[in-house]
Amino acid sequence: MKSELPISQFNSSKTVIPKILAILPALIPSSIILVVEPLMHLLKLRKIELRVRLENFYVRSADMEWADLIVFCRNTEPANDGVLEKNYFL
């Protein structure tokens, strides 16, 4: 974790707000219902910061560096392993 956090990463009670990146294979009902909706609820409560990306589009190194936690949901296609490879995880 970073040694210094900007004030924007704290809520009114001075607790750290985690940054979560959700990487989905597609906008399929199970991903939306079981992953995106609960995370959106936490976002509305200002408990988290959130970015949602599709694994074959829009996932940038900057997104992965930004996140404190990355949630992969139903990511099973070997063709999309590049998301991890190009972002230093494998």
C-alpha atoms as a PDB file:
ATOM      1  CA  MET A   1       0.000   0.000   0.000  1.00  0.00           C
ATOM      2  CA  LYS A   2       1.157   3.528  -0.702  1.00  0.00           C
ATOM      3  CA  SER A   3       2.825   5.395   2.138  1.00  0.00           C
ATOM      4  CA  GLU A   4       0.853   8.598   1.617  1.00  0.00           C
ATOM      5  CA  LEU A   5      -2.751   8.752   0.480  1.00  0.00           C
ATOM      6  CA  PRO A   6      -4.379  11.891  -0.903  1.00  0.00           C
ATOM      7  CA  ILE A   7      -7.308  13.226   1.116  1.00  0.00           C
ATOM      8  CA  SER A   8      -9.698  12.218  -1.690  1.00  0.00           C
ATOM      9  CA  GLN A   9      -9.105   8.585  -0.741  1.00  0.00           C
ATOM     10  CA  PHE A  10     -10.616   9.059   2.686  1.00  0.00           C
ATOM     11  CA  ASN A  11     -14.265   9.303   3.613  1.00  0.00           C
ATOM     12  CA  SER A  12     -15.660  11.740   6.170  1.00  0.00           C
ATOM     13  CA  SER A  13     -14.596   9.522   9.085  1.00  0.00           C
ATOM     14  CA  LYS A  14     -10.992   9.514   7.789  1.00  0.00           C
ATOM     15  CA  THR A  15     -11.014   5.833   6.871  1.00  0.00           C
ATOM     16  CA  VAL A  16      -9.353   4.704   3.649  1.00  0.00           C
ATOM     17  CA  ILE A  17     -11.680   4.059   0.726  1.00  0.00           C
ATOM     18  CA  PRO A  18     -10.440   1.033  -1.254  1.00  0.00           C
ATOM     19  CA  LYS A  19     -10.189   1.278  -5.024  1.00  0.00           C
ATOM     20  CA  ILE A  20     -11.676  -1.772  -6.732  1.00  0.00           C
ATOM     21  CA  LEU A  21     -11.305  -2.787 -10.363  1.00  0.00           C
ATOM     22  CA  ALA A  22     -13.771  -5.399 -11.632  1.00  0.00           C
ATOM     23  CA  ILE A  23     -12.765  -7.160 -14.845  1.00  0.00           C
ATOM     24  CA  LEU A  24     -15.644  -8.933 -16.552  1.00  0.00           C
ATOM     25  CA  PRO A  25     -15.650 -11.193 -19.623  1.00  0.00           C
ATOM     26  CA  ALA A  26     -18.832  -9.542 -20.931  1.00  0.00           C
ATOM     27  CA  LEU A  27     -21.959  -7.838 -19.670  1.00  0.00           C
ATOM     28  CA  ILE A  28     -23.694 -11.095 -18.838  1.00  0.00           C
ATOM     29  CA  PRO A  29     -26.513 -11.281 -16.272  1.00  0.00           C
ATOM     30  CA  SER A  30     -24.613 -13.304 -13.656  1.00  0.00           C
ATOM     31  CA  SER A  31     -21.669 -10.874 -13.702  1.00  0.00           C
ATOM     32  CA  ILE A  32     -23.949  -7.889 -13.363  1.00  0.00           C
ATOM     33  CA  ILE A  33     -26.156  -9.370 -10.633  1.00  0.00           C
ATOM     34  CA  LEU A  34     -23.440 -11.043  -8.550  1.00  0.00           C
ATOM     35  CA  VAL A  35     -20.517  -8.650  -9.013  1.00  0.00           C
ATOM     36  CA  VAL A  36     -21.428  -5.255 -10.439  1.00  0.00           C
ATOM     37  CA  GLU A  37     -24.640  -4.585  -8.503  1.00  0.00           C
ATOM     38  CA  PRO A  38     -23.157  -5.281  -5.031  1.00  0.00           C
ATOM     39  CA  LEU A  39     -20.112  -3.162  -5.887  1.00  0.00           C
ATOM     40  CA  MET A  40     -22.357  -0.366  -7.177  1.00  0.00           C
ATOM     41  CA  HIS A  41     -24.227  -0.458  -3.872  1.00  0.00           C
ATOM     42  CA  LEU A  42     -20.951   0.018  -1.980  1.00  0.00           C
ATOM     43  CA  LEU A  43     -20.017   2.803  -4.388  1.00  0.00           C
ATOM     44  CA  LYS A  44     -23.300   4.617  -3.692  1.00  0.00           C
ATOM     45  CA  LEU A  45     -22.592   4.319   0.037  1.00  0.00           C
ATOM     46  CA  ARG A  46     -19.140   5.845  -0.642  1.00  0.00           C
ATOM     47  CA  LYS A  47     -17.454   2.792   0.821  1.00  0.00           C
ATOM     48  CA  ILE A  48     -15.369   2.114  -2.314  1.00  0.00           C
ATOM     49  CA  GLU A  49     -14.134   3.649  -5.540  1.00  0.00           C
ATOM     50  CA  LEU A  50     -14.946   1.479  -8.544  1.00  0.00           C
ATOM     51  CA  ARG A  51     -13.943   0.868 -12.127  1.00  0.00           C
ATOM     52  CA  VAL A  52     -15.584  -1.861 -14.221  1.00  0.00           C
ATOM     53  CA  ARG A  53     -13.856  -3.045 -17.384  1.00  0.00           C
ATOM     54  CA  LEU A  54     -14.415  -5.796 -19.955  1.00  0.00           C
ATOM     55  CA  GLU A  55     -11.432  -8.133 -20.222  1.00  0.00           C
ATOM     56  CA  ASN A  56     -11.073  -7.867 -23.990  1.00  0.00           C
ATOM     57  CA  PHE A  57     -11.623  -4.071 -24.092  1.00  0.00           C
ATOM     58  CA  TYR A  58     -10.563  -1.090 -22.038  1.00  0.00           C
ATOM     59  CA  VAL A  59      -8.342  -2.739 -19.416  1.00  0.00           C
ATOM     60  CA  ARG A  60      -5.277  -0.530 -19.148  1.00  0.00           C
ATOM     61  CA  SER A  61      -2.145  -0.851 -17.072  1.00  0.00           C
ATOM     62  CA  ALA A  62      -3.172   2.383 -15.358  1.00  0.00           C
ATOM     63  CA  ASP A  63      -6.410   0.711 -14.192  1.00  0.00           C
ATOM     64  CA  MET A  64      -4.522  -2.160 -12.624  1.00  0.00           C
ATOM     65  CA  GLU A  65      -1.984   0.121 -10.981  1.00  0.00           C
ATOM     66  CA  TRP A  66      -4.835   2.310  -9.639  1.00  0.00           C
ATOM     67  CA  ALA A  67      -6.619  -0.588  -7.934  1.00  0.00           C
ATOM     68  CA  ASP A  68      -6.109  -1.822  -4.402  1.00  0.00           C
ATOM     69  CA  LEU A  69      -8.134  -4.930  -5.261  1.00  0.00           C
ATOM     70  CA  ILE A  70      -8.900  -6.537  -8.627  1.00  0.00           C
ATOM     71  CA  VAL A  71     -11.990  -8.732  -8.979  1.00  0.00           C
ATOM     72  CA  PHE A  72     -11.966 -11.170 -11.883  1.00  0.00           C
ATOM     73  CA  CYS A  73     -15.371 -12.579 -12.720  1.00  0.00           C
ATOM     74  CA  ARG A  74     -15.799 -15.654 -14.886  1.00  0.00           C
ATOM     75  CA  ASN A  75     -12.623 -14.864 -16.805  1.00  0.00           C
ATOM     76  CA  THR A  76     -11.908 -18.202 -18.460  1.00  0.00           C
ATOM     77  CA  GLU A  77     -10.853 -17.480 -22.029  1.00  0.00           C
ATOM     78  CA  PRO A  78      -7.141 -18.203 -22.554  1.00  0.00           C
ATOM     79  CA  ALA A  79      -7.171 -15.715 -25.431  1.00  0.00           C
ATOM     80  CA  ASN A  80      -7.606 -12.941 -22.850  1.00  0.00           C
ATOM     81  CA  ASP A  81      -4.657 -13.945 -20.652  1.00  0.00           C
ATOM     82  CA  GLY A  82      -2.901 -10.937 -22.116  1.00  0.00           C
ATOM     83  CA  VAL A  83      -4.691  -8.753 -19.570  1.00  0.00           C
ATOM     84  CA  LEU A  84      -2.535 -10.356 -16.891  1.00  0.00           C
ATOM     85  CA  GLU A  85       0.593 -10.852 -18.947  1.00  0.00           C
ATOM     86  CA  LYS A  86       0.881  -7.265 -20.129  1.00  0.00           C
ATOM     87  CA  ASN A  87       0.119  -5.971 -16.650  1.00  0.00           C
ATOM     88  CA  TYR A  88       2.922  -7.806 -14.844  1.00  0.00           C
ATOM     89  CA  PHE A  89       0.976 -10.498 -12.986  1.00  0.00           C
ATOM     90  CA  LEU A  90       2.099 -13.621 -14.851  1.00  0.00           C
END
